[in-house]
């Protein structure tokens, strides 16, 4: 395995932008692999909470069940539980999501995977 100094020396001697870009693409791919390996597996049916980094703020800390992912699994539909549906319905800062009075569980579309915090045991 080469040392970090050797890797830096190799990079500094690359002949053109195309070579540096190819190296950068390989490094990015490896970073994505390493990051994915330590992330919990989000699958439909798991219970979860929406984290505090999402916008709009009215969605923060709502709870429910993970639903279907998009094609790249970077976003998931999210079915709110009854308490969170009621909280979203009554939130005065909610100007985007219209929850009907009779609706018990509201479905949010395309919640970013990075904002989903699983709350059920990992082996479920």
Protein backbone atom coordinates (compact mmCIF):
# COMPACT_ATOMS: atom_id res chain seq x y z
CA UNK A 1 0.00 0.00 0.00
CA UNK A 2 1.51 3.36 -0.98
CA UNK A 3 1.94 6.06 1.64
CA UNK A 4 -0.05 9.27 1.55
CA UNK A 5 3.08 11.15 0.45
CA UNK A 6 3.53 8.74 -2.46
CA UNK A 7 -0.10 9.15 -3.50
CA UNK A 8 0.22 12.94 -3.41
CA UNK A 9 3.41 12.79 -5.45
CA UNK A 10 1.66 10.56 -8.00
CA UNK A 11 -1.26 12.98 -8.26
CA UNK A 12 1.02 15.99 -8.67
CA UNK A 13 2.65 14.31 -11.67
CA UNK A 14 -0.55 13.53 -13.56
CA UNK A 15 -0.20 15.01 -17.05
CA UNK A 16 -3.61 16.63 -17.64
CA UNK A 17 -7.04 17.59 -16.36
CA UNK A 18 -8.63 14.43 -17.75
CA UNK A 19 -6.31 12.24 -15.67
CA UNK A 20 -6.95 14.24 -12.50
CA UNK A 21 -10.72 14.14 -13.15
CA UNK A 22 -10.61 10.35 -13.59
CA UNK A 23 -8.77 10.01 -10.30
CA UNK A 24 -11.27 12.32 -8.60
CA UNK A 25 -14.16 10.25 -9.95
CA UNK A 26 -12.59 7.05 -8.59
CA UNK A 27 -12.05 8.67 -5.18
CA UNK A 28 -15.65 9.90 -5.08
CA UNK A 29 -16.94 6.45 -5.93
CA UNK A 30 -14.88 4.94 -3.11
CA UNK A 31 -16.14 7.55 -0.63
CA UNK A 32 -19.73 6.70 -1.56
CA UNK A 33 -19.03 2.99 -1.00
CA UNK A 34 -17.46 3.62 2.40
CA UNK A 35 -20.31 5.90 3.46
CA UNK A 36 -22.99 3.43 2.33
CA UNK A 37 -21.39 0.61 4.30
CA UNK A 38 -21.89 2.42 7.62
CA UNK A 39 -25.39 3.75 6.94
CA UNK A 40 -28.41 1.78 8.23
CA UNK A 41 -30.48 0.03 5.59
CA UNK A 42 -33.67 1.93 4.90
CA UNK A 43 -36.38 -0.35 3.58
CA UNK A 44 -40.15 -0.02 3.21
CA UNK A 45 -42.05 -0.96 6.35
CA UNK A 46 -39.46 0.25 8.86
CA UNK A 47 -40.55 2.78 11.45
CA UNK A 48 -38.66 6.04 11.54
CA UNK A 49 -38.53 9.69 12.49
CA UNK A 50 -37.79 12.60 10.16
CA UNK A 51 -34.63 14.32 11.37
CA UNK A 52 -34.02 17.93 12.28
CA UNK A 53 -32.11 18.80 9.11
CA UNK A 54 -35.13 18.68 6.79
CA UNK A 55 -36.87 21.71 5.42
CA UNK A 56 -39.60 22.79 5.80
CA UNK A 57 -39.32 22.83 9.57
CA UNK A 58 -42.90 21.60 10.06
CA UNK A 59 -41.69 18.10 9.05
CA UNK A 60 -38.99 17.87 11.72
CA UNK A 61 -39.34 14.99 14.19
CA UNK A 62 -42.54 13.61 12.65
CA UNK A 63 -42.80 9.82 12.93
CA UNK A 64 -44.21 7.11 10.74
CA UNK A 65 -43.40 4.26 8.39
CA UNK A 66 -40.97 4.26 5.46
CA UNK A 67 -42.72 3.56 2.16
CA UNK A 68 -41.48 3.10 -1.42
CA UNK A 69 -38.11 4.52 -2.53
CA UNK A 70 -37.39 6.41 -5.70
CA UNK A 71 -35.26 4.73 -8.38
CA UNK A 72 -31.94 5.70 -6.77
CA UNK A 73 -33.12 5.05 -3.18
CA UNK A 74 -32.09 8.60 -2.28
CA UNK A 75 -35.68 9.55 -1.33
CA UNK A 76 -38.56 7.61 0.18
CA UNK A 77 -42.27 8.14 0.56
CA UNK A 78 -43.14 8.36 4.26
CA UNK A 79 -46.50 7.50 5.85
CA UNK A 80 -47.01 9.54 8.99
CA UNK A 81 -48.55 7.92 12.05
CA UNK A 82 -51.80 9.36 13.42
CA UNK A 83 -50.17 11.64 16.01
CA UNK A 84 -47.75 13.13 13.48
CA UNK A 85 -50.52 13.55 10.92
CA UNK A 86 -52.47 15.54 13.49
CA UNK A 87 -49.39 17.57 14.42
CA UNK A 88 -48.74 18.46 10.76
CA UNK A 89 -52.42 19.33 10.23
CA UNK A 90 -52.41 21.75 13.20
CA UNK A 91 -48.92 23.25 12.71
CA UNK A 92 -49.36 26.99 12.02
CA UNK A 93 -46.06 27.10 10.12
CA UNK A 94 -47.29 24.44 7.66
CA UNK A 95 -48.21 26.29 4.48
CA UNK A 96 -47.29 23.52 2.05
CA UNK A 97 -49.03 20.30 3.10
CA UNK A 98 -52.83 20.20 3.11
CA UNK A 99 -54.02 17.45 5.44
CA UNK A 100 -57.78 16.87 5.25
CA UNK A 101 -59.68 16.83 8.55
CA UNK A 102 -60.73 13.18 8.22
CA UNK A 103 -57.30 11.92 7.12
CA UNK A 104 -55.74 9.65 9.77
CA UNK A 105 -52.32 9.01 8.16
CA UNK A 106 -50.78 11.45 5.70
CA UNK A 107 -48.30 10.31 3.05
CA UNK A 108 -45.30 12.55 2.40
CA UNK A 109 -43.58 12.10 -0.96
CA UNK A 110 -39.83 12.07 -1.56
CA UNK A 111 -38.36 12.50 1.93
CA UNK A 112 -34.54 12.52 1.56
CA UNK A 113 -32.93 9.33 2.87
CA UNK A 114 -30.38 11.44 4.76
CA UNK A 115 -33.25 12.91 6.83
CA UNK A 116 -34.73 9.54 7.85
CA UNK A 117 -33.71 8.23 11.27
CA UNK A 118 -34.78 4.62 11.79
CA UNK A 119 -36.39 3.93 15.17
CA UNK A 120 -37.08 0.21 14.96
CA UNK A 121 -34.50 -2.48 15.79
CA UNK A 122 -31.99 -3.11 12.99
CA UNK A 123 -32.99 -6.76 12.56
CA UNK A 124 -36.64 -6.12 11.77
